[in-house]
Amino acid sequence: MYVRPAPYHDGLELDDVKAQIRAVTPQARLAATVEGEPALQKKRRDMEAQQRRQRQRIFDVEDEIREPRSGRS
């Protein structure tokens, strides 16, 4: 019997995170002060890490879905 995995949601959809990364990247390059640039770069790194976690979760869920199907032969 197939059991559906629990929903996973950490606040933002993958597309939203991608859009935020695209918005922060030029901001970091064009930071008005040298002090502001590291903060924007850190924000970008944090969002990229979140994006990697979301993608990994997608792969995990896909594997959970495939697993029961492959055993049905």
C-alpha atoms as a PDB file:
ATOM      1  CA  MET A   1       0.000   0.000   0.000  1.00  0.00           C
ATOM      2  CA  TYR A   2       1.352   3.392  -0.996  1.00  0.00           C
ATOM      3  CA  VAL A   3       1.628   6.002   1.726  1.00  0.00           C
ATOM      4  CA  ARG A   4       1.803   9.565   0.489  1.00  0.00           C
ATOM      5  CA  PRO A   5       4.795  11.478   1.933  1.00  0.00           C
ATOM      6  CA  ALA A   6       4.077  14.329   4.299  1.00  0.00           C
ATOM      7  CA  PRO A   7       3.965  17.714   2.600  1.00  0.00           C
ATOM      8  CA  TYR A   8       7.122  19.754   2.806  1.00  0.00           C
ATOM      9  CA  HIS A   9       7.035  23.500   2.832  1.00  0.00           C
ATOM     10  CA  ASP A  10       9.600  25.923   4.217  1.00  0.00           C
ATOM     11  CA  GLY A  11       7.806  29.141   3.406  1.00  0.00           C
ATOM     12  CA  LEU A  12       8.828  29.870  -0.166  1.00  0.00           C
ATOM     13  CA  GLU A  13       8.315  28.028  -3.404  1.00  0.00           C
ATOM     14  CA  LEU A  14      11.345  27.186  -5.507  1.00  0.00           C
ATOM     15  CA  ASP A  15      10.390  29.745  -8.165  1.00  0.00           C
ATOM     16  CA  ASP A  16      10.099  32.457  -5.506  1.00  0.00           C
ATOM     17  CA  VAL A  17      13.586  31.696  -4.214  1.00  0.00           C
ATOM     18  CA  LYS A  18      14.986  31.790  -7.759  1.00  0.00           C
ATOM     19  CA  ALA A  19      13.408  35.200  -8.318  1.00  0.00           C
ATOM     20  CA  GLN A  20      14.848  36.528  -5.060  1.00  0.00           C
ATOM     21  CA  ILE A  21      18.322  35.277  -5.960  1.00  0.00           C
ATOM     22  CA  ARG A  22      18.070  37.008  -9.340  1.00  0.00           C
ATOM     23  CA  ALA A  23      17.039  40.227  -7.589  1.00  0.00           C
ATOM     24  CA  VAL A  24      19.791  40.159  -4.935  1.00  0.00           C
ATOM     25  CA  THR A  25      22.683  39.340  -7.279  1.00  0.00           C
ATOM     26  CA  PRO A  26      22.816  42.736  -9.022  1.00  0.00           C
ATOM     27  CA  GLN A  27      22.094  44.490  -5.723  1.00  0.00           C
ATOM     28  CA  ALA A  28      25.216  42.905  -4.232  1.00  0.00           C
ATOM     29  CA  ARG A  29      27.310  44.067  -7.180  1.00  0.00           C
ATOM     30  CA  LEU A  30      25.914  47.581  -7.037  1.00  0.00           C
ATOM     31  CA  ALA A  31      25.915  47.955  -3.242  1.00  0.00           C
ATOM     32  CA  ALA A  32      26.206  51.604  -2.262  1.00  0.00           C
ATOM     33  CA  THR A  33      28.717  50.876   0.472  1.00  0.00           C
ATOM     34  CA  VAL A  34      31.475  48.369   0.935  1.00  0.00           C
ATOM     35  CA  GLU A  35      29.837  47.406   4.243  1.00  0.00           C
ATOM     36  CA  GLY A  36      26.514  46.615   2.554  1.00  0.00           C
ATOM     37  CA  GLU A  37      27.946  44.249  -0.021  1.00  0.00           C
ATOM     38  CA  PRO A  38      28.855  41.372   2.358  1.00  0.00           C
ATOM     39  CA  ALA A  39      25.350  41.419   3.859  1.00  0.00           C
ATOM     40  CA  LEU A  40      23.775  41.093   0.415  1.00  0.00           C
ATOM     41  CA  GLN A  41      26.237  38.359  -0.554  1.00  0.00           C
ATOM     42  CA  LYS A  42      25.372  36.456   2.621  1.00  0.00           C
ATOM     43  CA  LYS A  43      21.661  36.825   1.855  1.00  0.00           C
ATOM     44  CA  ARG A  44      22.291  35.413  -1.622  1.00  0.00           C
ATOM     45  CA  ARG A  45      24.303  32.478  -0.235  1.00  0.00           C
ATOM     46  CA  ASP A  46      21.522  31.733   2.264  1.00  0.00           C
ATOM     47  CA  MET A  47      18.892  31.767  -0.491  1.00  0.00           C
ATOM     48  CA  GLU A  48      21.034  29.522  -2.694  1.00  0.00           C
ATOM     49  CA  ALA A  49      21.360  27.064   0.203  1.00  0.00           C
ATOM     50  CA  GLN A  50      17.586  27.149   0.648  1.00  0.00           C
ATOM     51  CA  GLN A  51      17.172  26.493  -3.073  1.00  0.00           C
ATOM     52  CA  ARG A  52      19.503  23.467  -2.846  1.00  0.00           C
ATOM     53  CA  ARG A  53      17.515  22.110   0.132  1.00  0.00           C
ATOM     54  CA  GLN A  54      14.244  22.516  -1.767  1.00  0.00           C
ATOM     55  CA  ARG A  55      15.634  20.769  -4.836  1.00  0.00           C
ATOM     56  CA  GLN A  56      16.999  17.934  -2.711  1.00  0.00           C
ATOM     57  CA  ARG A  57      13.580  17.535  -1.074  1.00  0.00           C
ATOM     58  CA  ILE A  58      11.995  17.323  -4.529  1.00  0.00           C
ATOM     59  CA  PHE A  59      14.441  14.548  -5.459  1.00  0.00           C
ATOM     60  CA  ASP A  60      13.715  12.734  -2.183  1.00  0.00           C
ATOM     61  CA  VAL A  61       9.966  12.861  -2.773  1.00  0.00           C
ATOM     62  CA  GLU A  62      10.424  11.626  -6.342  1.00  0.00           C
ATOM     63  CA  ASP A  63      12.486   8.715  -4.994  1.00  0.00           C
ATOM     64  CA  GLU A  64       9.761   7.913  -2.430  1.00  0.00           C
ATOM     65  CA  ILE A  65       7.201   7.853  -5.226  1.00  0.00           C
ATOM     66  CA  ARG A  66       9.338   5.657  -7.493  1.00  0.00           C
ATOM     67  CA  GLU A  67      10.259   3.204  -4.736  1.00  0.00           C
ATOM     68  CA  PRO A  68       6.820   1.587  -4.330  1.00  0.00           C
ATOM     69  CA  ARG A  69       6.286   1.542  -8.092  1.00  0.00           C
ATOM     70  CA  SER A  70       9.530  -0.309  -8.757  1.00  0.00           C
ATOM     71  CA  GLY A  71       8.581  -3.049  -6.289  1.00  0.00           C
ATOM     72  CA  ARG A  72       5.237  -3.846  -7.983  1.00  0.00           C
ATOM     73  CA  SER A  73       6.619  -5.821 -10.926  1.00  0.00           C
END
